[in-house]
Amino acid sequence: MATPETTGHCLCGRVKYRATGQPIFRCYCHCESCRRATGSPVTAYAGYPTANFTFEGEPARYESSPGVTRTFCTHCGTPLTYEALDRPGEIHLLVGSANDQEAAHLAPERHVFENERLSWVHFEDGLPRKSAPPEG
């Protein structure tokens, strides 16, 4: 079986990325911080080792909370990735920015921060749920 490769970009295409290999984890995040950073009621992430991830074009970096850095395009504002000091060596890409968002290797396998889920957001997918960050 071929090694998966995930490519993606911001809305305007000025910042692109490439991730190789299987993600370390895939999840839906329901935390308030991710909702505010993305403008979405829930966010899908795929985590990769930073060694397997490269940017083409330079995204802006924003420390959204202590130890958490998010990247985005300075031109169009598209949020692209999440990195945290408590998860060294990982980068989490927002699946909505991937070129092939239907790729099976990007499909979430669990929900995290379920305790912060908006009451009107309902998933009947049978995936595991936890009130904590994803485990790598």
Protein backbone atom coordinates (compact mmCIF):
# COMPACT_ATOMS: atom_id res chain seq x y z
CA MET A 1 0.00 0.00 0.00
CA ALA A 2 1.31 3.45 -0.91
CA THR A 3 2.23 5.95 1.79
CA PRO A 4 -0.52 8.55 2.05
CA GLU A 5 0.33 12.11 1.19
CA THR A 6 -1.88 14.98 2.26
CA THR A 7 -1.63 18.32 0.54
CA GLY A 8 -3.64 21.43 1.14
CA HIS A 9 -3.71 25.19 1.02
CA CYS A 10 -5.42 28.32 2.23
CA LEU A 11 -8.35 29.85 0.37
CA CYS A 12 -6.19 32.13 -1.79
CA GLY A 13 -3.48 29.48 -2.36
CA ARG A 14 -0.54 31.56 -1.11
CA VAL A 15 0.26 29.08 1.68
CA LYS A 16 0.40 25.38 0.84
CA TYR A 17 1.43 22.34 2.85
CA ARG A 18 2.36 18.69 2.43
CA ALA A 19 2.13 15.94 5.05
CA THR A 20 3.36 12.40 4.40
CA GLY A 21 2.42 9.17 6.10
CA GLN A 22 -0.53 8.18 8.22
CA PRO A 23 -1.74 10.74 10.74
CA ILE A 24 -0.87 10.12 14.40
CA PHE A 25 -4.51 10.80 15.23
CA ARG A 26 -7.68 12.15 13.65
CA CYS A 27 -10.40 13.85 15.63
CA TYR A 28 -13.24 16.30 15.90
CA CYS A 29 -12.42 19.01 18.44
CA HIS A 30 -15.29 20.71 20.28
CA CYS A 31 -13.27 23.14 22.44
CA GLU A 32 -14.17 26.81 22.60
CA SER A 33 -10.67 27.89 21.58
CA CYS A 34 -10.84 25.95 18.30
CA ARG A 35 -14.34 27.26 17.63
CA ARG A 36 -13.14 30.84 17.98
CA ALA A 37 -9.97 30.24 15.94
CA THR A 38 -11.86 28.64 13.05
CA GLY A 39 -15.28 30.28 13.20
CA SER A 40 -16.82 26.81 13.11
CA PRO A 41 -18.88 24.95 15.74
CA VAL A 42 -16.58 21.92 15.47
CA THR A 43 -13.19 21.37 13.84
CA ALA A 44 -11.68 18.24 12.27
CA TYR A 45 -7.94 17.74 12.80
CA ALA A 46 -5.32 15.27 11.61
CA GLY A 47 -2.06 15.21 13.57
CA TYR A 48 1.32 14.51 12.00
CA PRO A 49 4.94 14.39 13.17
CA THR A 50 6.47 17.79 12.36
CA ALA A 51 9.24 15.92 10.50
CA ASN A 52 6.59 14.75 7.99
CA PHE A 53 5.11 18.21 7.40
CA THR A 54 6.27 21.14 5.28
CA PHE A 55 4.87 24.52 4.29
CA GLU A 56 5.30 26.21 0.93
CA GLY A 57 4.86 29.90 1.60
CA GLU A 58 5.12 31.30 5.10
CA PRO A 59 2.00 31.30 7.26
CA ALA A 60 1.53 33.78 10.08
CA ARG A 61 1.84 32.40 13.60
CA TYR A 62 -0.35 33.38 16.51
CA GLU A 63 -0.03 32.27 20.13
CA SER A 64 -3.72 31.76 20.89
CA SER A 65 -3.10 30.66 24.48
CA PRO A 66 0.02 29.88 26.52
CA GLY A 67 1.95 27.16 24.71
CA VAL A 68 -0.40 26.99 21.70
CA THR A 69 0.51 28.34 18.27
CA ARG A 70 -1.90 28.47 15.36
CA THR A 71 -0.95 29.26 11.77
CA PHE A 72 -3.00 31.05 9.15
CA CYS A 73 -2.63 32.88 5.85
CA THR A 74 -2.05 36.62 6.30
CA HIS A 75 -3.75 37.38 2.99
CA CYS A 76 -7.04 35.43 3.18
CA GLY A 77 -7.10 34.51 6.88
CA THR A 78 -7.57 30.75 6.45
CA PRO A 79 -6.58 28.86 9.61
CA LEU A 80 -4.22 25.99 8.75
CA THR A 81 -2.53 24.31 11.73
CA TYR A 82 -2.31 23.97 15.50
CA GLU A 83 0.83 23.22 17.56
CA ALA A 84 1.15 22.87 21.33
CA LEU A 85 4.19 22.73 23.61
CA ASP A 86 2.63 19.83 25.50
CA ARG A 87 2.64 17.83 22.23
CA PRO A 88 6.23 18.35 21.03
CA GLY A 89 7.09 17.14 17.56
CA GLU A 90 3.47 17.27 16.34
CA ILE A 91 1.53 19.55 14.03
CA HIS A 92 -2.23 19.29 13.63
CA LEU A 93 -3.70 20.33 10.30
CA LEU A 94 -7.26 21.48 9.85
CA VAL A 95 -8.83 18.88 7.57
CA GLY A 96 -11.02 21.53 5.92
CA SER A 97 -7.88 22.97 4.29
CA ALA A 98 -6.82 19.64 2.71
CA ASN A 99 -7.08 19.16 -1.05
CA ASP A 100 -8.73 15.74 -0.68
CA GLN A 101 -10.99 16.18 2.33
CA GLU A 102 -12.69 12.84 1.54
CA ALA A 103 -9.44 10.86 1.96
CA ALA A 104 -10.07 7.91 4.28
CA HIS A 105 -6.84 8.57 6.20
CA LEU A 106 -8.25 11.98 7.27
CA ALA A 107 -11.61 10.75 8.59
CA PRO A 108 -11.96 11.53 12.32
CA GLU A 109 -11.84 8.50 14.61
CA ARG A 110 -12.98 10.21 17.85
CA HIS A 111 -14.34 13.38 19.44
CA VAL A 112 -12.28 15.40 21.95
CA PHE A 113 -13.34 18.08 24.42
CA GLU A 114 -16.84 16.63 24.33
CA ASN A 115 -17.51 18.53 27.58
CA GLU A 116 -17.26 21.79 25.57
CA ARG A 117 -19.48 20.64 22.68
CA LEU A 118 -22.25 23.06 21.78
CA SER A 119 -25.62 21.67 22.88
CA TRP A 120 -27.07 21.97 19.36
CA VAL A 121 -24.21 20.07 17.67
CA HIS A 122 -25.12 16.39 17.32
CA PHE A 123 -23.14 13.57 15.77
CA GLU A 124 -24.66 10.11 15.56
CA ASP A 125 -21.43 8.52 14.32
CA GLY A 126 -20.71 6.12 17.19
CA LEU A 127 -17.16 7.43 17.57
CA PRO A 128 -15.52 7.48 21.04
CA ARG A 129 -15.83 10.75 22.96
CA LYS A 130 -13.60 12.23 25.63
CA SER A 131 -13.44 15.44 27.60
CA ALA A 132 -9.71 15.84 27.00
CA PRO A 133 -7.25 16.38 24.16
CA PRO A 134 -6.47 13.58 21.68
CA GLU A 135 -3.91 10.96 22.54
CA GLY A 136 -1.15 10.49 20.01
